[in-house]
C-alpha atoms as a PDB file:
ATOM      1  CA  MET A   1       0.000   0.000   0.000  1.00  0.00           C
ATOM      2  CA  VAL A   2       1.256   3.447  -0.926  1.00  0.00           C
ATOM      3  CA  ASN A   3      -0.378   6.662   0.246  1.00  0.00           C
ATOM      4  CA  ALA A   4       0.101   9.303  -2.455  1.00  0.00           C
ATOM      5  CA  GLY A   5      -2.414  11.670  -0.868  1.00  0.00           C
ATOM      6  CA  ILE A   6      -1.484  15.256  -0.155  1.00  0.00           C
ATOM      7  CA  SER A   7      -3.482  17.317   2.301  1.00  0.00           C
ATOM      8  CA  GLY A   8      -4.919  20.300   0.461  1.00  0.00           C
ATOM      9  CA  ASN A   9      -4.532  18.649  -2.939  1.00  0.00           C
ATOM     10  CA  ARG A  10      -7.054  19.203  -5.694  1.00  0.00           C
ATOM     11  CA  LEU A  11      -8.196  17.213  -8.707  1.00  0.00           C
ATOM     12  CA  LEU A  12      -8.020  19.942 -11.316  1.00  0.00           C
ATOM     13  CA  SER A  13      -6.106  22.954 -10.020  1.00  0.00           C
ATOM     14  CA  LEU A  14      -3.007  23.767  -8.063  1.00  0.00           C
ATOM     15  CA  GLY A  15      -3.493  23.372  -4.358  1.00  0.00           C
ATOM     16  CA  MET A  16      -0.951  21.914  -1.986  1.00  0.00           C
ATOM     17  CA  GLY A  17       1.051  20.268  -4.743  1.00  0.00           C
ATOM     18  CA  GLN A  18       0.279  19.510  -8.356  1.00  0.00           C
ATOM     19  CA  PRO A  19      -3.289  18.508  -9.261  1.00  0.00           C
ATOM     20  CA  VAL A  20      -4.092  14.812  -9.064  1.00  0.00           C
ATOM     21  CA  LEU A  21      -4.639  14.697 -12.835  1.00  0.00           C
ATOM     22  CA  GLU A  22      -1.033  15.808 -13.364  1.00  0.00           C
ATOM     23  CA  ARG A  23       0.585  13.443 -10.890  1.00  0.00           C
ATOM     24  CA  VAL A  24      -1.468  10.251 -11.005  1.00  0.00           C
ATOM     25  CA  VAL A  25       0.432   8.572 -13.836  1.00  0.00           C
ATOM     26  CA  SER A  26       3.922   9.095 -12.414  1.00  0.00           C
ATOM     27  CA  GLU A  27       3.033   8.704  -8.733  1.00  0.00           C
ATOM     28  CA  VAL A  28       0.455   5.926  -8.884  1.00  0.00           C
ATOM     29  CA  PHE A  29       0.135   4.068 -12.173  1.00  0.00           C
ATOM     30  CA  ALA A  30       3.914   3.856 -12.616  1.00  0.00           C
ATOM     31  CA  LEU A  31       4.240   1.809  -9.427  1.00  0.00           C
ATOM     32  CA  PRO A  32       4.981  -1.854 -10.091  1.00  0.00           C
ATOM     33  CA  ARG A  33       2.130  -4.215  -9.231  1.00  0.00           C
ATOM     34  CA  ALA A  34      -0.301  -1.386  -8.406  1.00  0.00           C
ATOM     35  CA  ASP A  35      -3.593  -3.177  -8.893  1.00  0.00           C
ATOM     36  CA  THR A  36      -6.044  -0.951  -6.996  1.00  0.00           C
ATOM     37  CA  VAL A  37      -6.196   2.819  -6.638  1.00  0.00           C
ATOM     38  CA  VAL A  38      -8.454   4.557  -4.132  1.00  0.00           C
ATOM     39  CA  VAL A  39      -9.177   8.204  -4.934  1.00  0.00           C
ATOM     40  CA  LEU A  40     -10.673  10.585  -2.378  1.00  0.00           C
ATOM     41  CA  ILE A  41     -10.583  14.025  -3.993  1.00  0.00           C
ATOM     42  CA  GLY A  42     -12.791  16.996  -4.741  1.00  0.00           C
ATOM     43  CA  THR A  43     -13.513  18.774  -1.470  1.00  0.00           C
ATOM     44  CA  ASN A  44     -10.817  21.395  -2.029  1.00  0.00           C
ATOM     45  CA  ASP A  45     -11.826  21.859  -5.678  1.00  0.00           C
ATOM     46  CA  ILE A  46     -15.306  22.813  -4.496  1.00  0.00           C
ATOM     47  CA  ALA A  47     -14.539  24.544  -1.207  1.00  0.00           C
ATOM     48  CA  TRP A  48     -11.470  26.704  -1.892  1.00  0.00           C
ATOM     49  CA  PRO A  49     -12.905  29.270  -4.357  1.00  0.00           C
ATOM     50  CA  GLY A  50     -13.960  32.407  -2.499  1.00  0.00           C
ATOM     51  CA  THR A  51     -11.894  31.582   0.596  1.00  0.00           C
ATOM     52  CA  PRO A  52      -8.618  33.150   1.745  1.00  0.00           C
ATOM     53  CA  PHE A  53      -6.879  30.291  -0.141  1.00  0.00           C
ATOM     54  CA  ARG A  54      -8.370  31.396  -3.483  1.00  0.00           C
ATOM     55  CA  PRO A  55     -10.379  34.615  -2.929  1.00  0.00           C
ATOM     56  CA  ASP A  56     -10.757  35.486  -6.625  1.00  0.00           C
ATOM     57  CA  GLU A  57     -11.143  31.995  -8.065  1.00  0.00           C
ATOM     58  CA  SER A  58     -14.444  31.089  -9.704  1.00  0.00           C
ATOM     59  CA  MET A  59     -16.333  28.076  -8.449  1.00  0.00           C
ATOM     60  CA  VAL A  60     -15.504  24.848 -10.254  1.00  0.00           C
ATOM     61  CA  THR A  61     -18.253  23.434 -12.449  1.00  0.00           C
ATOM     62  CA  LEU A  62     -19.837  20.020 -12.329  1.00  0.00           C
ATOM     63  CA  ALA A  63     -18.697  19.481 -15.923  1.00  0.00           C
ATOM     64  CA  ALA A  64     -15.075  20.165 -14.955  1.00  0.00           C
ATOM     65  CA  LEU A  65     -15.249  17.707 -12.046  1.00  0.00           C
ATOM     66  CA  GLN A  66     -16.837  15.115 -14.328  1.00  0.00           C
ATOM     67  CA  TYR A  67     -14.048  15.611 -16.867  1.00  0.00           C
ATOM     68  CA  GLY A  68     -11.441  15.075 -14.148  1.00  0.00           C
ATOM     69  CA  ILE A  69     -13.037  11.887 -12.883  1.00  0.00           C
ATOM     70  CA  ARG A  70     -13.556  10.524 -16.399  1.00  0.00           C
ATOM     71  CA  SER A  71      -9.861  11.194 -17.058  1.00  0.00           C
ATOM     72  CA  LEU A  72      -8.868   9.255 -13.929  1.00  0.00           C
ATOM     73  CA  ILE A  73     -11.120   6.357 -14.928  1.00  0.00           C
ATOM     74  CA  ALA A  74      -9.584   6.318 -18.418  1.00  0.00           C
ATOM     75  CA  GLN A  75      -6.053   6.265 -16.951  1.00  0.00           C
ATOM     76  CA  ALA A  76      -6.948   3.376 -14.642  1.00  0.00           C
ATOM     77  CA  ASP A  77      -8.460   1.472 -17.550  1.00  0.00           C
ATOM     78  CA  LEU A  78      -5.384   2.131 -19.696  1.00  0.00           C
ATOM     79  CA  HIS A  79      -3.135   0.754 -16.933  1.00  0.00           C
ATOM     80  CA  GLY A  80      -5.389  -2.204 -16.086  1.00  0.00           C
ATOM     81  CA  THR A  81      -5.860  -0.904 -12.559  1.00  0.00           C
ATOM     82  CA  ARG A  82      -8.980  -1.222 -10.453  1.00  0.00           C
ATOM     83  CA  MET A  83     -10.173   2.244  -9.439  1.00  0.00           C
ATOM     84  CA  ILE A  84     -12.227   3.027  -6.368  1.00  0.00           C
ATOM     85  CA  LEU A  85     -13.646   6.546  -6.469  1.00  0.00           C
ATOM     86  CA  SER A  86     -15.002   8.221  -3.386  1.00  0.00           C
ATOM     87  CA  THR A  87     -17.964  10.501  -3.170  1.00  0.00           C
ATOM     88  CA  ILE A  88     -17.259  13.782  -1.396  1.00  0.00           C
ATOM     89  CA  ALA A  89     -18.047  13.797   2.307  1.00  0.00           C
ATOM     90  CA  PRO A  90     -20.178  16.576   3.786  1.00  0.00           C
ATOM     91  CA  PHE A  91     -18.396  19.599   5.202  1.00  0.00           C
ATOM     92  CA  GLY A  92     -21.211  21.877   6.357  1.00  0.00           C
ATOM     93  CA  ASP A  93     -20.085  24.778   8.542  1.00  0.00           C
ATOM     94  CA  ALA A  94     -16.484  23.584   8.319  1.00  0.00           C
ATOM     95  CA  LEU A  95     -13.574  25.315   9.990  1.00  0.00           C
ATOM     96  CA  PRO A  96     -15.382  27.299  12.685  1.00  0.00           C
ATOM     97  CA  GLY A  97     -13.267  29.944  14.361  1.00  0.00           C
ATOM     98  CA  THR A  98     -10.952  30.299  11.350  1.00  0.00           C
ATOM     99  CA  PRO A  99     -10.767  32.899   8.564  1.00  0.00           C
ATOM    100  CA  MET A 100     -12.614  30.392   6.359  1.00  0.00           C
ATOM    101  CA  GLU A 101     -15.665  30.123   8.579  1.00  0.00           C
ATOM    102  CA  GLY A 102     -18.637  31.209   6.524  1.00  0.00           C
ATOM    103  CA  ASN A 103     -17.001  30.857   3.095  1.00  0.00           C
ATOM    104  CA  TYR A 104     -15.395  27.413   2.953  1.00  0.00           C
ATOM    105  CA  TRP A 105     -18.878  25.850   2.988  1.00  0.00           C
ATOM    106  CA  THR A 106     -21.864  27.530   1.341  1.00  0.00           C
ATOM    107  CA  ALA A 107     -25.236  26.202   0.245  1.00  0.00           C
ATOM    108  CA  GLU A 108     -24.118  26.661  -3.386  1.00  0.00           C
ATOM    109  CA  LYS A 109     -20.952  24.626  -2.794  1.00  0.00           C
ATOM    110  CA  ASP A 110     -22.964  21.928  -1.042  1.00  0.00           C
ATOM    111  CA  ALA A 111     -25.403  21.753  -3.963  1.00  0.00           C
ATOM    112  CA  LEU A 112     -22.419  21.148  -6.262  1.00  0.00           C
ATOM    113  CA  ARG A 113     -21.042  18.483  -3.891  1.00  0.00           C
ATOM    114  CA  ARG A 114     -24.407  16.694  -3.861  1.00  0.00           C
ATOM    115  CA  ALA A 115     -24.783  16.951  -7.660  1.00  0.00           C
ATOM    116  CA  PHE A 116     -21.275  15.525  -8.113  1.00  0.00           C
ATOM    117  CA  ASN A 117     -21.980  12.658  -5.714  1.00  0.00           C
ATOM    118  CA  ASP A 118     -25.265  11.823  -7.448  1.00  0.00           C
ATOM    119  CA  TRP A 119     -23.540  11.876 -10.824  1.00  0.00           C
ATOM    120  CA  LEU A 120     -20.668   9.682  -9.595  1.00  0.00           C
ATOM    121  CA  ARG A 121     -23.052   7.109  -8.126  1.00  0.00           C
ATOM    122  CA  ALA A 122     -24.809   6.821 -11.501  1.00  0.00           C
ATOM    123  CA  HIS A 123     -21.933   7.297 -13.968  1.00  0.00           C
ATOM    124  CA  HIS A 124     -18.800   5.704 -12.533  1.00  0.00           C
ATOM    125  CA  GLY A 125     -18.291   3.360 -15.469  1.00  0.00           C
ATOM    126  CA  PRO A 126     -15.880   0.522 -14.665  1.00  0.00           C
ATOM    127  CA  ALA A 127     -14.778   2.152 -11.395  1.00  0.00           C
ATOM    128  CA  THR A 128     -16.109   1.163  -7.993  1.00  0.00           C
ATOM    129  CA  VAL A 129     -17.810   3.842  -5.903  1.00  0.00           C
ATOM    130  CA  PHE A 130     -16.913   4.246  -2.249  1.00  0.00           C
ATOM    131  CA  ASP A 131     -19.783   6.249  -0.793  1.00  0.00           C
ATOM    132  CA  LEU A 132     -17.942   8.320   1.774  1.00  0.00           C
ATOM    133  CA  ASP A 133     -20.808  10.821   1.768  1.00  0.00           C
ATOM    134  CA  ARG A 134     -23.343   8.287   3.011  1.00  0.00           C
ATOM    135  CA  LEU A 135     -20.853   6.701   5.387  1.00  0.00           C
ATOM    136  CA  LEU A 136     -19.908   9.916   7.207  1.00  0.00           C
ATOM    137  CA  ALA A 137     -23.006  12.115   6.890  1.00  0.00           C
ATOM    138  CA  ASP A 138     -25.199  12.877   9.866  1.00  0.00           C
ATOM    139  CA  PRO A 139     -28.595  11.360   8.941  1.00  0.00           C
ATOM    140  CA  ALA A 140     -30.311  14.170  10.855  1.00  0.00           C
ATOM    141  CA  ASP A 141     -28.348  16.845   8.960  1.00  0.00           C
ATOM    142  CA  PRO A 142     -26.710  15.362   5.831  1.00  0.00           C
ATOM    143  CA  VAL A 143     -24.694  18.490   4.975  1.00  0.00           C
ATOM    144  CA  ARG A 144     -22.606  17.827   8.094  1.00  0.00           C
ATOM    145  CA  LEU A 145     -20.425  15.020   9.362  1.00  0.00           C
ATOM    146  CA  LEU A 146     -21.919  12.702  11.929  1.00  0.00           C
ATOM    147  CA  PRO A 147     -20.711  14.238  15.219  1.00  0.00           C
ATOM    148  CA  ALA A 148     -19.166  10.931  16.353  1.00  0.00           C
ATOM    149  CA  TYR A 149     -17.063  10.898  13.171  1.00  0.00           C
ATOM    150  CA  ASP A 150     -16.003  14.569  13.283  1.00  0.00           C
ATOM    151  CA  SER A 151     -12.492  15.584  14.380  1.00  0.00           C
ATOM    152  CA  GLY A 152     -13.955  18.832  15.661  1.00  0.00           C
ATOM    153  CA  ASP A 153     -13.340  21.018  12.618  1.00  0.00           C
ATOM    154  CA  ARG A 154     -16.462  19.773  10.783  1.00  0.00           C
ATOM    155  CA  LEU A 155     -14.273  18.884   7.817  1.00  0.00           C
ATOM    156  CA  HIS A 156     -11.930  16.042   8.710  1.00  0.00           C
ATOM    157  CA  PRO A 157     -12.962  12.755  10.286  1.00  0.00           C
ATOM    158  CA  GLY A 158     -11.621  12.013  13.737  1.00  0.00           C
ATOM    159  CA  ALA A 159     -10.388   8.655  15.030  1.00  0.00           C
ATOM    160  CA  GLN A 160     -13.822   7.012  14.989  1.00  0.00           C
ATOM    161  CA  GLY A 161     -14.555   8.384  11.506  1.00  0.00           C
ATOM    162  CA  ASN A 162     -11.199   7.187  10.182  1.00  0.00           C
ATOM    163  CA  ARG A 163     -11.859   3.740  11.659  1.00  0.00           C
ATOM    164  CA  ALA A 164     -15.237   3.629   9.888  1.00  0.00           C
ATOM    165  CA  ILE A 165     -13.564   4.629   6.609  1.00  0.00           C
ATOM    166  CA  ALA A 166     -10.813   2.021   6.998  1.00  0.00           C
ATOM    167  CA  ASP A 167     -13.261  -0.751   7.846  1.00  0.00           C
ATOM    168  CA  ALA A 168     -15.532   0.100   4.918  1.00  0.00           C
ATOM    169  CA  LEU A 169     -12.621   0.365   2.470  1.00  0.00           C
ATOM    170  CA  VAL A 170     -11.102  -2.943   3.546  1.00  0.00           C
ATOM    171  CA  THR A 171     -14.474  -4.623   3.040  1.00  0.00           C
ATOM    172  CA  LEU A 172     -14.885  -2.992  -0.371  1.00  0.00           C
ATOM    173  CA  ILE A 173     -11.369  -3.853  -1.523  1.00  0.00           C
ATOM    174  CA  GLN A 174     -11.635  -7.437  -0.349  1.00  0.00           C
ATOM    175  CA  SER A 175     -15.006  -7.877  -2.056  1.00  0.00           C
ATOM    176  CA  GLY A 176     -13.388  -7.314  -5.433  1.00  0.00           C
ATOM    177  CA  ASP A 177     -16.592  -5.494  -6.441  1.00  0.00           C
ATOM    178  CA  ARG A 178     -16.028  -3.505  -9.590  1.00  0.00           C
ATOM    179  CA  HIS A 179     -19.257  -1.504  -9.263  1.00  0.00           C
END
């Protein structure tokens, strides 16, 4: 197992490091015997525009996110690699008490997150969907993380949330399910 994740990374644009689309071939598909790739990406693509990270950046479009995911799926197919794509977890009212409170999450950004997740569930092609959204969402308030899974910043899972993710991913990987 290799973790090529970068905190603050983005699918399509510069973030903390090069976009996933630019680094996936050299950092993931070039690895010998890489047979499964798990991709959890998209939160920063949606959330960063309009924040202190990217105050003048326009919001990403659903079409752009779809293009990025389709490109990842095509790369996995080209390399004969099983791809597991994650939906985007809820991040309602994320980062309280920081300069991003009130602009990291907005209703418009959440509508895009939900539209992306719905599209991914229906149009993932040969990839497998890992429904992180449904796993981590608070059933009473699905724009937010389940409090037991929240690290406290309303964005990142805490220990119990990470355990739930690990358990669900292990089950999914071991099932060999391709859809």
